[in-house]
PDB file of N, CA and C in Angstrom:
ATOM      1  N   MET A   1     -27.733  -7.052 -20.922  1.00  0.00           N
ATOM      2  CA  MET A   1     -28.791  -6.285 -20.361  1.00  0.00           C
ATOM      3  C   MET A   1     -28.335  -4.840 -20.272  1.00  0.00           C
ATOM      4  N   ARG A   2     -29.066  -3.982 -20.805  1.00  0.00           N
ATOM      5  CA  ARG A   2     -28.660  -2.511 -20.908  1.00  0.00           C
ATOM      6  C   ARG A   2     -29.543  -1.682 -19.942  1.00  0.00           C
ATOM      7  N   LYS A   3     -30.748  -2.066 -19.762  1.00  0.00           N
ATOM      8  CA  LYS A   3     -31.666  -1.218 -19.084  1.00  0.00           C
ATOM      9  C   LYS A   3     -32.597  -2.065 -18.228  1.00  0.00           C
ATOM     10  N   ILE A   4     -32.954  -1.548 -17.125  1.00  0.00           N
ATOM     11  CA  ILE A   4     -33.943  -2.174 -16.223  1.00  0.00           C
ATOM     12  C   ILE A   4     -35.063  -1.190 -16.060  1.00  0.00           C
ATOM     13  N   CYS A   5     -36.237  -1.689 -16.421  1.00  0.00           N
ATOM     14  CA  CYS A   5     -37.433  -0.832 -16.318  1.00  0.00           C
ATOM     15  C   CYS A   5     -38.387  -1.379 -15.216  1.00  0.00           C
ATOM     16  N   ILE A   6     -38.755  -0.604 -14.233  1.00  0.00           N
ATOM     17  CA  ILE A   6     -39.690  -0.982 -13.197  1.00  0.00           C
ATOM     18  C   ILE A   6     -40.992  -0.238 -13.454  1.00  0.00           C
ATOM     19  N   ASP A   7     -41.993  -1.069 -13.647  1.00  0.00           N
ATOM     20  CA  ASP A   7     -43.331  -0.599 -13.941  1.00  0.00           C
ATOM     21  C   ASP A   7     -43.864   0.205 -12.743  1.00  0.00           C
ATOM     22  N   PRO A   8     -44.182   1.519 -12.951  1.00  0.00           N
ATOM     23  CA  PRO A   8     -44.688   2.276 -11.756  1.00  0.00           C
ATOM     24  C   PRO A   8     -46.117   1.883 -11.398  1.00  0.00           C
ATOM     25  N   VAL A   9     -46.866   1.294 -12.253  1.00  0.00           N
ATOM     26  CA  VAL A   9     -48.218   0.858 -11.883  1.00  0.00           C
ATOM     27  C   VAL A   9     -48.175  -0.475 -11.130  1.00  0.00           C
ATOM     28  N   ARG A  10     -47.466  -1.473 -11.602  1.00  0.00           N
ATOM     29  CA  ARG A  10     -47.433  -2.744 -10.960  1.00  0.00           C
ATOM     30  C   ARG A  10     -46.509  -2.737  -9.701  1.00  0.00           C
ATOM     31  N   CYS A  11     -45.469  -1.994  -9.663  1.00  0.00           N
ATOM     32  CA  CYS A  11     -44.529  -2.001  -8.587  1.00  0.00           C
ATOM     33  C   CYS A  11     -44.226  -0.571  -8.149  1.00  0.00           C
ATOM     34  N   PRO A  12     -45.186   0.115  -7.587  1.00  0.00           N
ATOM     35  CA  PRO A  12     -44.996   1.604  -7.312  1.00  0.00           C
ATOM     36  C   PRO A  12     -43.960   1.842  -6.247  1.00  0.00           C
ATOM     37  N   LEU A  13     -43.832   1.007  -5.240  1.00  0.00           N
ATOM     38  CA  LEU A  13     -42.806   1.260  -4.169  1.00  0.00           C
ATOM     39  C   LEU A  13     -41.392   1.026  -4.687  1.00  0.00           C
ATOM     40  N   ALA A  14     -41.205  -0.080  -5.535  1.00  0.00           N
ATOM     41  CA  ALA A  14     -39.905  -0.308  -6.075  1.00  0.00           C
ATOM     42  C   ALA A  14     -39.547   0.788  -7.058  1.00  0.00           C
ATOM     43  N   HIS A  15     -40.505   1.251  -7.833  1.00  0.00           N
ATOM     44  CA  HIS A  15     -40.228   2.350  -8.817  1.00  0.00           C
ATOM     45  C   HIS A  15     -39.782   3.565  -8.093  1.00  0.00           C
ATOM     46  N   GLU A  16     -40.506   3.915  -6.978  1.00  0.00           N
ATOM     47  CA  GLU A  16     -40.143   5.140  -6.234  1.00  0.00           C
ATOM     48  C   GLU A  16     -38.780   5.008  -5.628  1.00  0.00           C
ATOM     49  N   LYS A  17     -38.481   3.836  -5.025  1.00  0.00           N
ATOM     50  CA  LYS A  17     -37.156   3.605  -4.461  1.00  0.00           C
ATOM     51  C   LYS A  17     -36.058   3.687  -5.501  1.00  0.00           C
ATOM     52  N   SER A  18     -36.318   3.181  -6.644  1.00  0.00           N
ATOM     53  CA  SER A  18     -35.294   3.233  -7.697  1.00  0.00           C
ATOM     54  C   SER A  18     -35.019   4.655  -8.151  1.00  0.00           C
ATOM     55  N   ARG A  19     -35.995   5.515  -8.103  1.00  0.00           N
ATOM     56  CA  ARG A  19     -35.819   6.890  -8.534  1.00  0.00           C
ATOM     57  C   ARG A  19     -35.111   7.739  -7.400  1.00  0.00           C
ATOM     58  N   LEU A  20     -35.351   7.368  -6.135  1.00  0.00           N
ATOM     59  CA  LEU A  20     -34.806   8.125  -5.051  1.00  0.00           C
ATOM     60  C   LEU A  20     -33.320   7.914  -4.777  1.00  0.00           C
ATOM     61  N   LYS A  21     -32.805   6.719  -5.111  1.00  0.00           N
ATOM     62  CA  LYS A  21     -31.458   6.382  -4.736  1.00  0.00           C
ATOM     63  C   LYS A  21     -30.534   6.554  -5.908  1.00  0.00           C
ATOM     64  N   LYS A  22     -29.258   6.890  -5.561  1.00  0.00           N
ATOM     65  CA  LYS A  22     -28.245   6.947  -6.551  1.00  0.00           C
ATOM     66  C   LYS A  22     -27.384   5.666  -6.378  1.00  0.00           C
ATOM     67  N   TYR A  23     -27.292   4.926  -7.470  1.00  0.00           N
ATOM     68  CA  TYR A  23     -26.569   3.631  -7.390  1.00  0.00           C
ATOM     69  C   TYR A  23     -25.306   3.820  -8.130  1.00  0.00           C
ATOM     70  N   ASP A  24     -24.296   4.361  -7.409  1.00  0.00           N
ATOM     71  CA  ASP A  24     -22.999   4.577  -8.064  1.00  0.00           C
ATOM     72  C   ASP A  24     -21.995   3.519  -7.526  1.00  0.00           C
ATOM     73  N   HIS A  25     -21.068   3.238  -8.345  1.00  0.00           N
ATOM     74  CA  HIS A  25     -19.995   2.342  -7.971  1.00  0.00           C
ATOM     75  C   HIS A  25     -18.671   3.063  -7.951  1.00  0.00           C
ATOM     76  N   ASP A  26     -17.911   2.844  -6.992  1.00  0.00           N
ATOM     77  CA  ASP A  26     -16.626   3.573  -6.852  1.00  0.00           C
ATOM     78  C   ASP A  26     -15.516   2.514  -6.454  1.00  0.00           C
ATOM     79  N   HIS A  27     -14.291   2.893  -6.482  1.00  0.00           N
ATOM     80  CA  HIS A  27     -13.258   1.955  -6.050  1.00  0.00           C
ATOM     81  C   HIS A  27     -12.392   2.631  -4.973  1.00  0.00           C
ATOM     82  N   ASP A  28     -11.693   1.788  -4.161  1.00  0.00           N
ATOM     83  CA  ASP A  28     -10.884   2.403  -3.123  1.00  0.00           C
ATOM     84  C   ASP A  28      -9.486   2.577  -3.690  1.00  0.00           C
ATOM     85  N   CYS A  29      -8.513   2.906  -2.897  1.00  0.00           N
ATOM     86  CA  CYS A  29      -7.177   3.245  -3.316  1.00  0.00           C
ATOM     87  C   CYS A  29      -6.488   2.010  -3.804  1.00  0.00           C
ATOM     88  N   ASP A  30      -6.925   0.811  -3.522  1.00  0.00           N
ATOM     89  CA  ASP A  30      -6.318  -0.429  -4.052  1.00  0.00           C
ATOM     90  C   ASP A  30      -6.896  -0.841  -5.382  1.00  0.00           C
ATOM     91  N   GLY A  31      -7.885  -0.164  -5.808  1.00  0.00           N
ATOM     92  CA  GLY A  31      -8.577  -0.452  -7.110  1.00  0.00           C
ATOM     93  C   GLY A  31      -9.701  -1.447  -6.858  1.00  0.00           C
ATOM     94  N   THR A  32     -10.045  -1.841  -5.727  1.00  0.00           N
ATOM     95  CA  THR A  32     -11.210  -2.733  -5.369  1.00  0.00           C
ATOM     96  C   THR A  32     -12.453  -1.950  -5.531  1.00  0.00           C
ATOM     97  N   TRP A  33     -13.439  -2.535  -6.311  1.00  0.00           N
ATOM     98  CA  TRP A  33     -14.707  -1.900  -6.559  1.00  0.00           C
ATOM     99  C   TRP A  33     -15.563  -1.980  -5.264  1.00  0.00           C
ATOM    100  N   LEU A  34     -16.167  -0.867  -4.959  1.00  0.00           N
ATOM    101  CA  LEU A  34     -17.006  -0.805  -3.826  1.00  0.00           C
ATOM    102  C   LEU A  34     -18.456  -0.682  -4.288  1.00  0.00           C
ATOM    103  N   GLU A  35     -19.365  -1.240  -3.543  1.00  0.00           N
ATOM    104  CA  GLU A  35     -20.725  -1.115  -3.815  1.00  0.00           C
ATOM    105  C   GLU A  35     -21.323   0.130  -3.124  1.00  0.00           C
ATOM    106  N   GLY A  36     -21.843   1.060  -3.910  1.00  0.00           N
ATOM    107  CA  GLY A  36     -22.307   2.339  -3.420  1.00  0.00           C
ATOM    108  C   GLY A  36     -23.710   2.381  -2.918  1.00  0.00           C
ATOM    109  N   ILE A  37     -24.461   1.184  -3.022  1.00  0.00           N
ATOM    110  CA  ILE A  37     -25.831   1.152  -2.606  1.00  0.00           C
ATOM    111  C   ILE A  37     -25.877   1.233  -1.081  1.00  0.00           C
ATOM    112  N   PRO A  38     -26.517   2.212  -0.537  1.00  0.00           N
ATOM    113  CA  PRO A  38     -26.511   2.350   0.969  1.00  0.00           C
ATOM    114  C   PRO A  38     -27.474   1.312   1.522  1.00  0.00           C
ATOM    115  N   ASP A  39     -27.070   0.771   2.683  1.00  0.00           N
ATOM    116  CA  ASP A  39     -27.906  -0.134   3.388  1.00  0.00           C
ATOM    117  C   ASP A  39     -29.187   0.622   3.956  1.00  0.00           C
ATOM    118  N   GLY A  40     -30.251  -0.103   4.051  1.00  0.00           N
ATOM    119  CA  GLY A  40     -31.454   0.518   4.540  1.00  0.00           C
ATOM    120  C   GLY A  40     -32.684  -0.241   4.129  1.00  0.00           C
ATOM    121  N   ASN A  41     -33.716   0.478   3.916  1.00  0.00           N
ATOM    122  CA  ASN A  41     -35.039  -0.139   3.508  1.00  0.00           C
ATOM    123  C   ASN A  41     -35.044  -0.180   2.036  1.00  0.00           C
ATOM    124  N   ASP A  42     -34.243  -1.120   1.474  1.00  0.00           N
ATOM    125  CA  ASP A  42     -34.174  -1.251   0.016  1.00  0.00           C
ATOM    126  C   ASP A  42     -34.430  -2.679  -0.411  1.00  0.00           C
ATOM    127  N   HIS A  43     -35.402  -3.420   0.213  1.00  0.00           N
ATOM    128  CA  HIS A  43     -35.608  -4.769   0.077  1.00  0.00           C
ATOM    129  C   HIS A  43     -36.094  -5.069  -1.422  1.00  0.00           C
ATOM    130  N   SER A  44     -36.880  -4.259  -1.976  1.00  0.00           N
ATOM    131  CA  SER A  44     -37.333  -4.436  -3.360  1.00  0.00           C
ATOM    132  C   SER A  44     -36.258  -4.312  -4.382  1.00  0.00           C
ATOM    133  N   ILE A  45     -35.295  -3.400  -4.124  1.00  0.00           N
ATOM    134  CA  ILE A  45     -34.185  -3.219  -5.028  1.00  0.00           C
ATOM    135  C   ILE A  45     -33.204  -4.511  -4.829  1.00  0.00           C
ATOM    136  N   GLU A  46     -33.044  -4.880  -3.661  1.00  0.00           N
ATOM    137  CA  GLU A  46     -32.211  -6.151  -3.424  1.00  0.00           C
ATOM    138  C   GLU A  46     -32.781  -7.349  -4.095  1.00  0.00           C
ATOM    139  N   ALA A  47     -34.138  -7.502  -4.019  1.00  0.00           N
ATOM    140  CA  ALA A  47     -34.789  -8.658  -4.657  1.00  0.00           C
ATOM    141  C   ALA A  47     -34.659  -8.590  -6.169  1.00  0.00           C
ATOM    142  N   LEU A  48     -34.696  -7.419  -6.726  1.00  0.00           N
ATOM    143  CA  LEU A  48     -34.474  -7.207  -8.152  1.00  0.00           C
ATOM    144  C   LEU A  48     -33.051  -7.610  -8.550  1.00  0.00           C
ATOM    145  N   ARG A  49     -32.100  -7.135  -7.744  1.00  0.00           N
ATOM    146  CA  ARG A  49     -30.694  -7.458  -8.036  1.00  0.00           C
ATOM    147  C   ARG A  49     -30.411  -8.979  -7.973  1.00  0.00           C
ATOM    148  N   PHE A  50     -30.999  -9.627  -6.953  1.00  0.00           N
ATOM    149  CA  PHE A  50     -30.763 -11.102  -6.919  1.00  0.00           C
ATOM    150  C   PHE A  50     -31.484 -11.724  -8.057  1.00  0.00           C
ATOM    151  N   ALA A  51     -32.618 -11.291  -8.470  1.00  0.00           N
ATOM    152  CA  ALA A  51     -33.409 -11.939  -9.571  1.00  0.00           C
ATOM    153  C   ALA A  51     -32.639 -11.887 -10.876  1.00  0.00           C
ATOM    154  N   ILE A  52     -31.947 -10.810 -11.109  1.00  0.00           N
ATOM    155  CA  ILE A  52     -31.273 -10.671 -12.489  1.00  0.00           C
ATOM    156  C   ILE A  52     -29.759 -10.940 -12.393  1.00  0.00           C
ATOM    157  N   MET A  53     -29.262 -11.380 -11.282  1.00  0.00           N
ATOM    158  CA  MET A  53     -27.804 -11.576 -11.129  1.00  0.00           C
ATOM    159  C   MET A  53     -27.207 -12.511 -12.205  1.00  0.00           C
ATOM    160  N   ASP A  54     -27.928 -13.614 -12.517  1.00  0.00           N
ATOM    161  CA  ASP A  54     -27.414 -14.517 -13.500  1.00  0.00           C
ATOM    162  C   ASP A  54     -27.299 -13.924 -14.869  1.00  0.00           C
ATOM    163  N   ASP A  55     -28.358 -13.120 -15.226  1.00  0.00           N
ATOM    164  CA  ASP A  55     -28.297 -12.385 -16.533  1.00  0.00           C
ATOM    165  C   ASP A  55     -27.147 -11.345 -16.540  1.00  0.00           C
ATOM    166  N   ILE A  56     -26.857 -10.765 -15.455  1.00  0.00           N
ATOM    167  CA  ILE A  56     -25.807  -9.765 -15.437  1.00  0.00           C
ATOM    168  C   ILE A  56     -24.402 -10.458 -15.585  1.00  0.00           C
ATOM    169  N   LEU A  57     -24.237 -11.548 -14.870  1.00  0.00           N
ATOM    170  CA  LEU A  57     -23.000 -12.308 -14.940  1.00  0.00           C
ATOM    171  C   LEU A  57     -22.773 -12.918 -16.311  1.00  0.00           C
ATOM    172  N   ARG A  58     -23.806 -13.339 -17.009  1.00  0.00           N
ATOM    173  CA  ARG A  58     -23.730 -13.994 -18.295  1.00  0.00           C
ATOM    174  C   ARG A  58     -23.305 -12.865 -19.362  1.00  0.00           C
ATOM    175  N   GLY A  59     -23.663 -11.614 -19.056  1.00  0.00           N
ATOM    176  CA  GLY A  59     -23.403 -10.481 -20.035  1.00  0.00           C
ATOM    177  C   GLY A  59     -24.450 -10.378 -21.009  1.00  0.00           C
TER     178      GLY A  59
END
């Protein structure tokens, strides 16, 4: 999976949230990857992440 497209007509709130947030990943001094998604009102983005997790893990 290379790209995730959120339809702005069918899912306007999820589309807006995906545009407003920066989803960067970083690592700490031990090399452990940290999730850079801030906690908050991001339920639609979390639902999307859980829905596609199997596809992401399969590659």
